[in-house]
N, C-alpha and C. Protein backbone atom coordinates (compact mmCIF):
# COMPACT_ATOMS: atom_id res chain seq x y z
N MET A 1 -13.50 18.90 -9.03
CA MET A 1 -12.82 18.46 -9.51
C MET A 1 -13.72 16.73 -9.20
N THR A 2 -13.73 15.95 -10.14
CA THR A 2 -14.32 14.82 -10.32
C THR A 2 -13.65 13.84 -11.27
N PHE A 3 -13.81 12.30 -11.05
CA PHE A 3 -13.47 11.22 -11.80
C PHE A 3 -14.92 10.73 -12.34
N PRO A 4 -14.89 9.92 -13.83
CA PRO A 4 -15.87 9.34 -14.15
C PRO A 4 -15.95 8.06 -13.13
N HIS A 5 -17.27 7.38 -13.27
CA HIS A 5 -17.09 6.35 -12.21
C HIS A 5 -16.46 5.32 -12.67
N PRO A 6 -16.08 4.54 -11.40
CA PRO A 6 -14.90 3.24 -11.69
C PRO A 6 -15.52 2.20 -12.55
N ASN A 7 -16.78 2.16 -12.77
CA ASN A 7 -17.36 1.08 -13.71
C ASN A 7 -17.15 1.39 -15.12
N LEU A 8 -17.10 2.80 -15.55
CA LEU A 8 -16.27 3.26 -16.84
C LEU A 8 -15.05 3.03 -17.21
N ALA A 9 -14.17 2.16 -16.42
CA ALA A 9 -12.82 2.06 -16.79
C ALA A 9 -13.03 0.77 -18.03
N ASN A 10 -11.74 1.21 -18.58
CA ASN A 10 -11.68 0.08 -19.76
C ASN A 10 -11.44 -1.58 -19.19
N GLU A 11 -11.21 -2.60 -20.48
CA GLU A 11 -10.69 -3.91 -19.84
C GLU A 11 -9.62 -3.81 -19.36
N ASP A 12 -8.61 -3.33 -19.35
CA ASP A 12 -7.34 -3.20 -18.69
C ASP A 12 -7.42 -2.59 -17.43
N GLY A 13 -8.44 -2.06 -17.21
CA GLY A 13 -8.62 -0.75 -15.88
C GLY A 13 -8.20 0.51 -16.00
N ILE A 14 -8.25 1.13 -17.19
CA ILE A 14 -7.88 2.80 -17.09
C ILE A 14 -9.05 3.34 -17.20
N LEU A 15 -9.15 4.56 -16.28
CA LEU A 15 -10.30 4.71 -16.08
C LEU A 15 -10.31 6.42 -16.73
N ALA A 16 -9.03 7.21 -16.38
CA ALA A 16 -9.11 8.73 -16.99
C ALA A 16 -7.29 8.76 -17.26
N VAL A 17 -7.17 9.74 -17.85
CA VAL A 17 -5.78 10.32 -18.28
C VAL A 17 -5.51 12.06 -18.00
N GLY A 18 -4.58 12.19 -17.43
CA GLY A 18 -4.48 13.43 -16.88
C GLY A 18 -4.52 13.97 -15.78
N GLY A 19 -4.73 15.30 -15.82
CA GLY A 19 -4.77 15.83 -14.42
C GLY A 19 -3.61 16.35 -13.32
N ASP A 20 -3.80 16.05 -12.24
CA ASP A 20 -2.31 16.45 -11.56
C ASP A 20 -2.35 15.06 -10.58
N LEU A 21 -1.50 15.48 -9.32
CA LEU A 21 -1.43 14.18 -8.27
C LEU A 21 -1.30 15.34 -7.20
N SER A 22 -2.22 16.23 -6.95
CA SER A 22 -2.41 16.88 -6.04
C SER A 22 -3.05 16.33 -4.77
N SER A 23 -2.78 16.45 -3.81
CA SER A 23 -3.25 15.90 -2.47
C SER A 23 -5.01 15.51 -2.40
N ASP A 24 -5.63 16.82 -2.58
CA ASP A 24 -7.23 16.58 -2.93
C ASP A 24 -7.72 15.41 -3.96
N ARG A 25 -6.80 15.92 -4.95
CA ARG A 25 -7.33 14.71 -6.28
C ARG A 25 -7.01 13.16 -5.82
N LEU A 26 -5.70 12.66 -5.36
CA LEU A 26 -5.64 11.91 -4.61
C LEU A 26 -6.21 10.87 -3.95
N LEU A 27 -6.59 11.83 -2.79
CA LEU A 27 -7.50 11.67 -1.83
C LEU A 27 -8.86 11.42 -2.07
N LEU A 28 -9.49 11.89 -3.33
CA LEU A 28 -10.56 11.51 -3.93
C LEU A 28 -10.47 10.38 -4.70
N ALA A 29 -9.57 10.33 -5.38
CA ALA A 29 -9.23 8.86 -6.12
C ALA A 29 -9.21 7.83 -5.56
N TYR A 30 -8.55 7.61 -4.35
CA TYR A 30 -8.36 6.66 -3.29
C TYR A 30 -9.87 6.19 -2.59
N GLN A 31 -10.51 7.09 -2.47
CA GLN A 31 -12.10 7.06 -1.74
C GLN A 31 -12.76 6.18 -2.87
N TYR A 32 -12.37 6.70 -4.00
CA TYR A 32 -13.20 5.40 -5.33
C TYR A 32 -12.44 4.53 -5.40
N GLY A 33 -11.65 3.90 -5.26
CA GLY A 33 -10.65 2.70 -5.68
C GLY A 33 -10.13 2.82 -6.71
N ILE A 34 -9.70 4.42 -7.15
CA ILE A 34 -8.59 4.62 -8.51
C ILE A 34 -7.41 5.23 -7.76
N PHE A 35 -6.36 4.75 -8.46
CA PHE A 35 -5.22 5.18 -8.21
C PHE A 35 -4.18 5.30 -9.31
N PRO A 36 -3.25 6.03 -9.41
CA PRO A 36 -2.36 6.48 -10.45
C PRO A 36 -0.95 5.51 -10.59
N TRP A 37 -0.76 5.49 -12.26
CA TRP A 37 0.09 4.55 -12.33
C TRP A 37 0.50 4.70 -13.57
N PHE A 38 1.67 5.38 -13.89
CA PHE A 38 2.00 5.63 -15.05
C PHE A 38 3.46 5.87 -15.35
N ASN A 39 4.21 5.77 -16.74
CA ASN A 39 5.48 5.75 -16.92
C ASN A 39 6.01 7.42 -16.80
N PRO A 40 7.84 7.63 -16.39
CA PRO A 40 7.94 9.09 -16.55
C PRO A 40 7.90 9.49 -18.10
N GLY A 41 7.70 10.84 -18.17
CA GLY A 41 7.43 11.46 -19.33
C GLY A 41 6.20 11.29 -19.76
N ASP A 42 5.14 10.06 -19.21
CA ASP A 42 3.68 10.12 -19.94
C ASP A 42 2.64 10.75 -18.93
N PRO A 43 1.49 10.80 -19.58
CA PRO A 43 0.46 11.79 -18.98
C PRO A 43 -0.17 10.63 -17.87
N ILE A 44 -0.23 11.27 -16.37
CA ILE A 44 -1.01 10.30 -15.69
C ILE A 44 -1.72 9.69 -15.99
N LEU A 45 -2.20 8.13 -16.09
CA LEU A 45 -3.30 7.22 -16.00
C LEU A 45 -3.67 7.01 -14.55
N TRP A 46 -5.06 6.84 -14.99
CA TRP A 46 -6.20 6.77 -13.04
C TRP A 46 -6.49 5.34 -13.80
N TRP A 47 -6.50 4.36 -12.88
CA TRP A 47 -6.83 2.92 -13.20
C TRP A 47 -7.75 2.87 -11.73
N SER A 48 -8.31 1.75 -12.14
CA SER A 48 -9.47 1.15 -11.22
C SER A 48 -10.24 -0.42 -12.04
N PRO A 49 -8.95 -1.60 -11.67
CA PRO A 49 -8.97 -2.81 -12.25
C PRO A 49 -10.11 -3.62 -11.80
N ASP A 50 -10.64 -4.44 -12.56
CA ASP A 50 -11.76 -5.63 -12.16
C ASP A 50 -11.21 -6.88 -12.16
N PRO A 51 -10.97 -7.67 -11.67
CA PRO A 51 -11.16 -7.44 -10.20
C PRO A 51 -10.28 -7.00 -9.60
N ARG A 52 -10.49 -6.87 -8.22
CA ARG A 52 -9.57 -5.96 -7.36
C ARG A 52 -9.01 -7.18 -6.63
N PHE A 53 -7.18 -6.78 -6.47
CA PHE A 53 -6.73 -7.88 -5.63
C PHE A 53 -6.76 -7.28 -3.71
N VAL A 54 -7.21 -8.13 -3.07
CA VAL A 54 -7.36 -7.20 -1.58
C VAL A 54 -6.60 -8.50 -0.38
N LEU A 55 -6.24 -7.89 0.32
CA LEU A 55 -6.25 -9.25 1.54
C LEU A 55 -7.21 -8.45 2.81
N PHE A 56 -7.93 -9.64 3.06
CA PHE A 56 -8.64 -9.30 4.47
C PHE A 56 -7.88 -9.48 5.43
N PRO A 57 -7.68 -8.89 6.72
CA PRO A 57 -6.74 -8.83 7.45
C PRO A 57 -6.92 -10.18 8.18
N SER A 58 -7.76 -10.92 8.83
CA SER A 58 -8.47 -12.37 9.33
C SER A 58 -7.94 -13.09 8.20
N ASP A 59 -7.55 -12.72 7.32
CA ASP A 59 -7.40 -14.09 5.93
C ASP A 59 -5.79 -14.07 6.17
N LEU A 60 -5.15 -13.63 6.78
CA LEU A 60 -3.37 -13.72 6.58
C LEU A 60 -2.89 -15.03 6.85
N LYS A 61 -1.97 -15.31 5.95
CA LYS A 61 -1.74 -16.48 6.03
C LYS A 61 0.17 -16.65 6.41
N VAL A 62 0.41 -17.05 7.28
CA VAL A 62 2.15 -16.82 7.58
C VAL A 62 2.44 -18.34 7.77
N SER A 63 3.16 -18.47 6.81
CA SER A 63 3.83 -19.94 6.59
C SER A 63 4.72 -20.08 7.43
N LYS A 64 4.93 -21.76 7.67
CA LYS A 64 5.97 -22.52 8.87
C LYS A 64 7.32 -21.66 8.61
N SER A 65 7.87 -21.21 7.39
CA SER A 65 9.25 -20.75 7.10
C SER A 65 9.39 -19.59 7.51
N MET A 66 8.00 -18.56 7.42
CA MET A 66 8.42 -17.49 8.22
C MET A 66 8.40 -17.49 9.72
N ARG A 67 8.02 -18.23 10.45
CA ARG A 67 7.72 -18.37 11.76
C ARG A 67 8.66 -17.87 12.75
N PRO A 68 10.04 -18.68 12.22
CA PRO A 68 11.40 -18.42 12.86
C PRO A 68 11.83 -17.08 12.81
N TYR A 69 11.12 -16.36 11.87
CA TYR A 69 11.69 -14.92 11.55
C TYR A 69 11.10 -14.31 13.02
N PHE A 70 9.86 -14.72 13.43
CA PHE A 70 9.17 -13.92 14.31
C PHE A 70 9.37 -14.01 15.82
N ASN A 71 9.43 -15.85 15.74
CA ASN A 71 9.81 -16.16 17.13
C ASN A 71 11.15 -15.76 17.65
N GLN A 72 12.34 -15.59 16.71
CA GLN A 72 13.36 -15.22 16.92
C GLN A 72 13.93 -13.55 16.96
N LYS A 73 12.85 -12.89 16.50
CA LYS A 73 12.92 -11.57 16.45
C LYS A 73 14.14 -11.06 15.69
N LYS A 74 14.01 -11.57 14.25
CA LYS A 74 14.99 -11.22 13.72
C LYS A 74 14.88 -9.88 12.85
N PHE A 75 13.78 -9.26 12.71
CA PHE A 75 14.23 -7.96 12.52
C PHE A 75 13.41 -7.02 13.28
N ARG A 76 13.34 -5.58 13.21
CA ARG A 76 12.67 -4.82 14.11
C ARG A 76 11.81 -3.79 13.14
N VAL A 77 10.66 -3.78 13.80
CA VAL A 77 9.47 -2.96 12.74
C VAL A 77 8.81 -1.52 13.10
N THR A 78 9.52 -0.59 12.75
CA THR A 78 8.46 1.04 13.11
C THR A 78 7.75 1.62 11.71
N CYS A 79 7.14 2.44 12.24
CA CYS A 79 6.23 3.28 11.20
C CYS A 79 6.50 4.75 11.29
N ASN A 80 6.85 5.30 10.30
CA ASN A 80 6.81 6.55 9.79
C ASN A 80 8.16 7.24 10.55
N LYS A 81 9.42 6.02 10.85
CA LYS A 81 10.51 6.85 10.77
C LYS A 81 11.42 7.39 9.81
N ALA A 82 10.90 6.63 8.70
CA ALA A 82 11.76 6.92 7.52
C ALA A 82 11.07 6.71 6.02
N PHE A 83 10.24 7.86 6.11
CA PHE A 83 8.90 7.68 4.87
C PHE A 83 9.52 7.84 3.67
N ARG A 84 10.79 9.14 3.38
CA ARG A 84 11.21 9.10 2.03
C ARG A 84 12.44 8.18 1.82
N GLU A 85 13.00 7.16 2.77
CA GLU A 85 13.79 6.45 2.29
C GLU A 85 13.16 5.11 2.15
N VAL A 86 11.99 5.19 2.29
CA VAL A 86 10.93 3.86 1.99
C VAL A 86 10.78 4.31 0.44
N ILE A 87 10.23 5.00 0.26
CA ILE A 87 9.55 5.29 -1.06
C ILE A 87 10.85 5.67 -2.13
N SER A 88 11.93 6.24 -1.80
CA SER A 88 13.28 5.89 -2.45
C SER A 88 13.44 4.65 -2.67
N ALA A 89 13.50 3.65 -2.09
CA ALA A 89 13.78 2.27 -1.99
C ALA A 89 13.08 1.75 -3.11
N CYS A 90 11.65 2.42 -2.84
CA CYS A 90 10.73 1.53 -3.70
C CYS A 90 10.78 1.55 -4.93
N GLN A 91 10.89 3.13 -5.42
CA GLN A 91 11.62 3.66 -6.80
C GLN A 91 12.68 2.72 -7.02
N GLN A 92 13.60 2.70 -6.49
CA GLN A 92 15.22 2.21 -7.46
C GLN A 92 14.93 0.31 -6.93
N THR A 93 13.69 -0.32 -6.59
CA THR A 93 14.05 -1.48 -6.70
C THR A 93 13.35 -2.24 -8.56
N ASP A 94 14.22 -3.31 -8.68
CA ASP A 94 14.05 -3.33 -9.67
C ASP A 94 12.67 -4.45 -9.66
N ARG A 95 11.62 -4.49 -10.81
CA ARG A 95 10.40 -5.38 -10.85
C ARG A 95 10.60 -6.07 -12.09
N GLN A 96 10.17 -7.08 -11.83
CA GLN A 96 9.74 -8.17 -13.17
C GLN A 96 8.82 -7.53 -14.30
N GLY A 97 9.81 -7.23 -15.46
CA GLY A 97 9.17 -6.61 -16.49
C GLY A 97 9.24 -5.13 -16.74
N GLN A 98 9.77 -4.30 -15.71
CA GLN A 98 9.79 -3.14 -15.49
C GLN A 98 11.13 -2.81 -14.81
N PRO A 99 11.85 -2.05 -15.57
CA PRO A 99 13.39 -2.10 -14.76
C PRO A 99 13.40 -0.78 -13.98
N GLY A 100 14.26 -0.95 -12.81
CA GLY A 100 14.09 0.18 -11.69
C GLY A 100 13.34 0.41 -11.11
N GLY A 101 11.68 -0.19 -11.10
CA GLY A 101 10.63 0.31 -10.59
C GLY A 101 10.43 1.77 -10.93
N THR A 102 10.63 1.86 -12.59
CA THR A 102 10.47 3.28 -12.84
C THR A 102 8.91 4.39 -12.73
N TRP A 103 8.09 3.42 -12.14
CA TRP A 103 6.43 4.05 -12.50
C TRP A 103 6.35 5.11 -11.04
N ILE A 104 7.10 4.78 -10.11
CA ILE A 104 7.42 5.92 -9.04
C ILE A 104 8.47 6.90 -9.36
N THR A 105 7.70 7.84 -10.10
CA THR A 105 8.17 9.13 -10.57
C THR A 105 8.77 10.07 -9.51
N GLU A 106 9.61 11.02 -9.52
CA GLU A 106 10.07 12.25 -8.64
C GLU A 106 8.56 12.73 -8.29
N GLU A 107 7.83 13.09 -9.18
CA GLU A 107 6.55 13.61 -9.05
C GLU A 107 5.78 13.01 -8.10
N MET A 108 5.48 11.79 -8.24
CA MET A 108 4.82 10.97 -6.94
C MET A 108 5.71 10.51 -5.71
N ILE A 109 6.78 10.85 -5.61
CA ILE A 109 7.30 10.78 -4.57
C ILE A 109 6.83 11.97 -3.90
N LYS A 110 7.15 13.59 -4.48
CA LYS A 110 6.55 14.62 -3.80
C LYS A 110 4.94 14.46 -3.57
N ALA A 111 4.19 13.95 -4.20
CA ALA A 111 3.12 13.89 -3.83
C ALA A 111 2.93 12.96 -2.77
N TYR A 112 3.21 11.71 -2.69
CA TYR A 112 3.24 10.96 -1.75
C TYR A 112 3.72 11.30 -0.39
N THR A 113 4.91 11.91 -0.39
CA THR A 113 5.36 12.58 0.62
C THR A 113 4.81 13.83 1.68
N GLN A 114 4.00 14.29 0.31
CA GLN A 114 2.94 15.39 0.83
C GLN A 114 1.82 14.84 1.54
N LEU A 115 1.35 13.85 1.09
CA LEU A 115 -0.17 13.06 1.75
C LEU A 115 0.48 12.29 3.34
N HIS A 116 1.56 12.09 3.33
CA HIS A 116 2.45 11.83 4.69
C HIS A 116 2.72 12.67 5.56
N GLN A 117 2.78 13.66 5.22
CA GLN A 117 3.13 15.11 6.03
C GLN A 117 1.70 15.26 6.73
N GLN A 118 0.65 14.91 5.69
CA GLN A 118 -0.72 15.51 5.88
C GLN A 118 -1.50 14.37 6.92
N GLY A 119 -0.51 13.12 6.92
CA GLY A 119 -1.11 12.42 7.92
C GLY A 119 -1.87 11.27 7.31
N TYR A 120 -2.23 10.90 5.76
CA TYR A 120 -2.73 9.81 5.05
C TYR A 120 -1.86 8.74 4.71
N ALA A 121 -0.33 8.86 4.45
CA ALA A 121 0.62 8.26 3.75
C ALA A 121 1.18 7.63 5.31
N HIS A 122 1.87 6.38 5.06
CA HIS A 122 2.32 5.87 5.95
C HIS A 122 3.34 5.08 5.46
N SER A 123 4.33 4.87 6.09
CA SER A 123 5.58 3.91 5.94
C SER A 123 5.67 2.94 7.06
N ILE A 124 6.10 1.82 6.63
CA ILE A 124 6.65 0.48 7.37
C ILE A 124 8.32 0.35 7.29
N GLU A 125 8.66 0.09 8.24
CA GLU A 125 10.31 0.22 7.98
C GLU A 125 10.38 -1.15 9.02
N VAL A 126 11.66 -1.70 8.19
CA VAL A 126 12.43 -3.01 8.64
C VAL A 126 13.37 -3.17 8.88
N TRP A 127 13.72 -3.23 10.28
CA TRP A 127 15.56 -2.83 10.18
C TRP A 127 16.24 -4.23 10.61
N GLN A 128 17.68 -4.28 10.38
CA GLN A 128 18.28 -5.07 10.97
C GLN A 128 19.62 -4.47 11.64
N GLU A 129 19.56 -4.48 12.95
CA GLU A 129 20.31 -3.68 13.54
C GLU A 129 20.03 -2.10 13.44
N GLU A 130 20.85 -1.33 12.71
CA GLU A 130 20.53 -0.07 12.48
C GLU A 130 20.71 0.21 10.99
N GLN A 131 20.31 -0.85 10.12
CA GLN A 131 19.99 -1.03 8.60
C GLN A 131 19.07 -0.78 8.40
N LEU A 132 18.42 -0.20 7.39
CA LEU A 132 17.14 -0.13 6.81
C LEU A 132 16.95 -1.29 5.79
N VAL A 133 16.51 -2.22 6.06
CA VAL A 133 16.82 -3.54 5.18
C VAL A 133 15.20 -3.98 4.35
N GLY A 134 14.49 -3.39 4.77
CA GLY A 134 12.76 -3.35 4.05
C GLY A 134 11.93 -2.45 4.18
N GLY A 135 10.80 -2.53 3.37
CA GLY A 135 9.90 -1.57 4.11
C GLY A 135 8.48 -1.71 3.34
N LEU A 136 7.79 -0.72 3.01
CA LEU A 136 6.67 -0.45 2.58
C LEU A 136 5.64 0.79 2.78
N TYR A 137 5.02 1.38 1.69
CA TYR A 137 4.25 2.76 1.95
C TYR A 137 2.84 2.32 1.44
N GLY A 138 2.15 3.20 2.02
CA GLY A 138 0.72 3.37 1.49
C GLY A 138 -0.36 4.36 2.15
N LEU A 139 -1.40 4.47 1.72
CA LEU A 139 -2.29 5.13 2.52
C LEU A 139 -3.32 4.59 3.25
N ALA A 140 -3.74 5.09 4.34
CA ALA A 140 -5.01 4.78 4.98
C ALA A 140 -6.04 5.78 5.30
N MET A 141 -7.16 5.20 5.15
CA MET A 141 -8.31 6.09 5.10
C MET A 141 -9.68 5.05 5.87
N GLY A 142 -9.99 5.73 7.03
CA GLY A 142 -11.16 5.10 7.59
C GLY A 142 -10.17 3.85 8.29
N LYS A 143 -11.11 2.43 7.71
CA LYS A 143 -10.68 1.83 8.40
C LYS A 143 -10.21 0.80 7.03
N ILE A 144 -9.56 1.31 6.10
CA ILE A 144 -8.84 0.66 4.65
C ILE A 144 -7.36 1.20 4.72
N PHE A 145 -6.44 0.58 4.24
CA PHE A 145 -5.43 0.69 4.24
C PHE A 145 -4.78 0.11 2.67
N PHE A 146 -4.68 1.01 1.77
CA PHE A 146 -4.39 1.16 0.49
C PHE A 146 -2.46 0.89 0.34
N GLY A 147 -2.27 -0.26 0.00
CA GLY A 147 -0.89 -0.56 -0.32
C GLY A 147 -0.13 -0.21 -1.43
N GLU A 148 0.60 0.69 -1.40
CA GLU A 148 1.46 1.18 -2.45
C GLU A 148 2.55 0.40 -3.31
N SER A 149 3.78 0.22 -2.55
CA SER A 149 4.88 -0.76 -2.92
C SER A 149 5.40 -0.91 -1.94
N MET A 150 6.80 -1.85 -1.89
CA MET A 150 7.37 -2.33 -0.87
C MET A 150 8.51 -2.79 -1.61
N PHE A 151 9.33 -3.05 -0.67
CA PHE A 151 11.20 -3.18 -0.89
C PHE A 151 12.02 -4.19 -0.25
N THR A 152 12.71 -4.84 -0.63
CA THR A 152 13.86 -5.57 0.27
C THR A 152 15.05 -6.00 -0.15
N ARG A 153 16.06 -5.77 0.72
CA ARG A 153 17.29 -5.73 1.05
C ARG A 153 17.92 -7.05 1.15
N VAL A 154 17.34 -7.54 2.11
CA VAL A 154 18.03 -8.71 2.53
C VAL A 154 16.33 -10.04 2.73
N SER A 155 16.66 -11.14 2.54
CA SER A 155 15.79 -11.78 2.15
C SER A 155 14.61 -12.26 3.40
N ASN A 156 13.22 -11.92 2.75
CA ASN A 156 12.32 -12.18 3.62
C ASN A 156 11.81 -10.67 4.42
N ALA A 157 12.42 -9.92 4.50
CA ALA A 157 12.24 -8.74 5.33
C ALA A 157 11.18 -7.85 4.92
N SER A 158 10.80 -7.42 3.50
CA SER A 158 9.43 -7.01 3.61
C SER A 158 8.10 -7.60 3.62
N LYS A 159 8.56 -9.05 3.28
CA LYS A 159 7.23 -9.99 3.62
C LYS A 159 7.29 -10.01 5.19
N PHE A 160 8.23 -9.56 6.08
CA PHE A 160 8.20 -9.62 7.46
C PHE A 160 7.74 -8.04 7.82
N GLY A 161 7.76 -7.08 7.19
CA GLY A 161 7.04 -6.09 7.43
C GLY A 161 5.79 -6.00 7.10
N PHE A 162 5.29 -6.68 6.00
CA PHE A 162 3.84 -6.70 5.70
C PHE A 162 2.99 -7.49 6.70
N ILE A 163 3.99 -8.50 7.18
CA ILE A 163 2.96 -9.57 8.32
C ILE A 163 2.80 -8.57 9.06
N SER A 164 3.75 -7.94 9.84
CA SER A 164 3.65 -7.33 11.24
C SER A 164 2.66 -6.38 11.09
N LEU A 165 2.17 -5.54 9.57
CA LEU A 165 1.54 -4.71 9.58
C LEU A 165 0.24 -4.98 9.47
N VAL A 166 -0.23 -6.25 8.56
CA VAL A 166 -1.52 -6.79 8.93
C VAL A 166 -1.60 -6.92 10.38
N LYS A 167 -0.92 -8.01 10.86
CA LYS A 167 -1.15 -8.32 12.27
C LYS A 167 -1.82 -7.24 13.19
N LYS A 168 -1.18 -5.89 12.94
CA LYS A 168 -1.35 -4.50 13.77
C LYS A 168 -2.94 -4.41 13.16
N LEU A 169 -2.74 -4.31 11.91
CA LEU A 169 -4.36 -3.85 11.35
C LEU A 169 -5.32 -4.46 11.98
N ARG A 170 -5.28 -5.84 11.64
CA ARG A 170 -6.53 -6.68 12.16
C ARG A 170 -6.64 -6.22 13.80
N GLU A 171 -5.55 -6.44 14.37
CA GLU A 171 -5.72 -5.65 16.08
C GLU A 171 -6.24 -4.34 16.53
N PHE A 172 -6.29 -3.47 15.44
CA PHE A 172 -7.24 -2.09 15.40
C PHE A 172 -8.28 -2.22 14.57
N ASP A 173 -8.67 -3.63 14.26
CA ASP A 173 -10.13 -3.78 13.35
C ASP A 173 -10.22 -2.99 12.24
N PHE A 174 -9.00 -2.81 11.39
CA PHE A 174 -9.47 -2.47 10.30
C PHE A 174 -9.97 -3.87 9.04
N GLU A 175 -10.77 -3.19 8.09
CA GLU A 175 -11.58 -4.19 7.47
C GLU A 175 -10.88 -4.45 5.97
N LEU A 176 -9.92 -3.89 5.33
CA LEU A 176 -9.28 -4.13 4.37
C LEU A 176 -8.22 -3.58 3.94
N ILE A 177 -7.45 -4.34 3.04
CA ILE A 177 -6.17 -4.10 2.78
C ILE A 177 -6.04 -3.96 1.12
N ASP A 178 -5.93 -3.08 0.24
CA ASP A 178 -6.39 -2.81 -0.89
C ASP A 178 -4.60 -3.23 -1.34
N CYS A 179 -4.63 -4.51 -2.47
CA CYS A 179 -3.08 -4.84 -2.90
C CYS A 179 -3.16 -4.35 -4.69
N GLN A 180 -4.24 -3.86 -5.06
CA GLN A 180 -4.35 -3.36 -6.16
C GLN A 180 -4.21 -4.63 -7.33
N GLN A 181 -3.21 -5.10 -7.62
CA GLN A 181 -2.85 -6.30 -8.53
C GLN A 181 -2.37 -7.38 -7.86
N ALA A 182 -2.98 -8.50 -8.45
CA ALA A 182 -2.26 -9.89 -7.94
C ALA A 182 -1.11 -10.23 -8.26
N THR A 183 -0.16 -10.94 -7.04
CA THR A 183 0.97 -11.35 -7.34
C THR A 183 1.23 -12.81 -6.64
N ASN A 184 2.08 -13.49 -6.88
CA ASN A 184 1.86 -15.12 -6.19
C ASN A 184 2.43 -14.66 -4.59
N HIS A 185 3.19 -13.29 -4.65
CA HIS A 185 4.03 -13.16 -3.15
C HIS A 185 2.58 -13.14 -2.69
N LEU A 186 1.83 -11.98 -2.59
CA LEU A 186 0.54 -11.81 -1.98
C LEU A 186 -0.72 -12.85 -2.12
N LYS A 187 -0.34 -13.57 -3.18
CA LYS A 187 -1.64 -14.38 -3.15
C LYS A 187 -1.04 -15.53 -1.93
N SER A 188 0.05 -15.92 -1.40
CA SER A 188 0.77 -16.73 -0.43
C SER A 188 0.45 -16.17 0.91
N LEU A 189 0.03 -14.88 1.06
CA LEU A 189 -0.07 -14.23 2.39
C LEU A 189 -1.76 -14.31 2.85
N GLY A 190 -2.45 -14.82 1.77
CA GLY A 190 -3.98 -14.86 1.84
C GLY A 190 -4.57 -13.79 1.22
N GLY A 191 -4.05 -13.41 0.08
CA GLY A 191 -4.54 -12.01 -0.71
C GLY A 191 -5.68 -12.75 -1.64
N LYS A 192 -7.00 -12.24 -2.21
CA LYS A 192 -7.59 -12.78 -3.05
C LYS A 192 -8.26 -11.80 -4.11
N SER A 193 -8.83 -12.27 -5.00
CA SER A 193 -9.55 -11.22 -5.97
C SER A 193 -10.61 -11.02 -5.66
N ILE A 194 -11.54 -9.86 -5.50
CA ILE A 194 -12.65 -9.41 -5.24
C ILE A 194 -13.52 -8.63 -6.67
N THR A 195 -14.71 -8.86 -6.83
CA THR A 195 -15.50 -7.73 -8.01
C THR A 195 -14.91 -6.50 -7.86
N ARG A 196 -14.92 -5.52 -8.87
CA ARG A 196 -14.77 -3.80 -8.58
C ARG A 196 -16.15 -3.37 -7.74
N THR A 197 -17.17 -4.23 -7.82
CA THR A 197 -18.56 -3.86 -7.18
C THR A 197 -18.36 -4.00 -5.61
N ARG A 198 -17.97 -5.19 -5.30
CA ARG A 198 -17.96 -5.70 -3.91
C ARG A 198 -16.46 -4.55 -3.12
N PHE A 199 -15.62 -4.48 -4.20
CA PHE A 199 -14.42 -3.41 -3.43
C PHE A 199 -15.22 -2.11 -3.06
N LEU A 200 -15.79 -1.44 -4.06
CA LEU A 200 -16.35 -0.14 -3.95
C LEU A 200 -17.57 0.21 -2.56
N THR A 201 -18.01 -1.38 -2.54
CA THR A 201 -19.05 -0.95 -1.50
C THR A 201 -18.34 -0.85 -0.15
N TYR A 202 -17.41 -1.84 -0.17
CA TYR A 202 -16.49 -1.76 1.04
C TYR A 202 -15.49 -0.40 1.42
N LEU A 203 -15.21 0.47 0.16
CA LEU A 203 -15.00 1.73 0.43
C LEU A 203 -16.03 2.68 1.02
N GLU A 204 -17.03 2.71 0.54
CA GLU A 204 -17.94 3.54 0.61
C GLU A 204 -18.43 3.35 1.84
N LYS A 205 -18.32 1.91 2.49
CA LYS A 205 -18.81 1.67 3.81
C LYS A 205 -17.78 2.48 5.04
N TYR A 206 -16.65 2.08 4.47
CA TYR A 206 -15.27 2.27 5.57
C TYR A 206 -14.62 3.38 5.43
N THR A 207 -14.31 3.99 4.25
CA THR A 207 -13.32 5.01 3.99
C THR A 207 -13.59 6.20 4.64
N SER A 208 -15.07 6.44 4.68
CA SER A 208 -15.43 7.45 5.77
C SER A 208 -15.45 7.24 7.42
N ALA A 209 -15.19 5.88 7.84
CA ALA A 209 -15.13 5.84 8.95
C ALA A 209 -14.61 5.99 9.90
N ASN A 210 -14.57 6.19 11.05
CA ASN A 210 -13.51 7.03 11.94
C ASN A 210 -12.22 6.25 11.79
N SER A 211 -11.33 6.32 11.98
CA SER A 211 -9.81 5.77 12.14
C SER A 211 -9.86 5.15 13.59
N PRO A 212 -9.30 3.52 13.60
CA PRO A 212 -9.26 2.93 14.69
C PRO A 212 -8.00 3.36 15.45
N LEU A 213 -7.17 3.86 14.75
CA LEU A 213 -5.46 4.31 14.94
C LEU A 213 -5.22 5.50 15.06
N GLU A 214 -5.61 6.15 16.23
CA GLU A 214 -5.07 7.85 16.39
C GLU A 214 -3.86 8.30 15.63
N ASN A 215 -2.49 7.16 16.40
CA ASN A 215 -1.31 7.49 16.05
C ASN A 215 -0.53 6.52 15.25
N TRP A 216 -0.57 6.70 14.14
CA TRP A 216 0.16 5.88 13.40
C TRP A 216 1.57 5.49 13.87
N ASN A 217 2.40 6.74 14.51
CA ASN A 217 3.83 6.80 14.65
C ASN A 217 3.93 6.00 15.90
N GLU A 218 3.04 5.19 16.66
CA GLU A 218 2.94 4.62 17.77
C GLU A 218 2.81 3.04 17.45
N LEU A 219 2.23 2.88 16.32
CA LEU A 219 2.07 1.55 15.62
C LEU A 219 2.99 0.05 16.40
N PHE A 220 4.34 0.53 15.99
CA PHE A 220 4.88 -0.69 16.65
C PHE A 220 5.91 -0.28 18.17
N LYS A 221 5.20 0.79 19.02
CA LYS A 221 5.86 1.16 19.92
C LYS A 221 6.52 -0.14 20.84
N SER A 222 5.44 -0.94 20.99
CA SER A 222 5.97 -1.86 21.58
C SER A 222 7.26 -2.91 21.71
N GLN A 223 7.34 -2.61 20.60
CA GLN A 223 8.18 -3.81 19.79
C GLN A 223 9.72 -3.38 20.14
């Protein structure tokens, strides 16, 4: 099981077509900076865009408008308490330019749920009282977190969850968060574009490193 070298991707970032979403293939893909993204009914497309949009935890920016949310503890954040609910909510979220977030197919939900059960994929849940109002999910390999998607049902809930996650990853000495594609939302939080070459250098060095976080389920235990 192999992929072409990421530098062989076309100018849009498409590297390969086909294959499956087995855990082994997905883990191999992420290790080399490749991720699946395709519409229902289409073949699986594997992407490695250049430049790559990332966030270094030390670069996190928290706007003045968000600080009261943390000072007043407006939301409660947990990890891995409702993975299936989070990925399903991301699937149903409307995205600009793509109705209903349809790129998260049932096949992808099944594949990432399996990665969650194997300890690689994680969800961050944001709660208002006992209601799930926001969240995100992604993969962790070594000292790298690969963000996949987020959703919100209440203003700033997903941003609250993302900022909370980045603060914790910084605390545990994670090196990089892969955001895949640039958005104004992520730019405002400190995200930046780096070359594919530089991104792959980070992956080579840090995805095989020992994870500094032994138990993701305990990530927000003190909150």
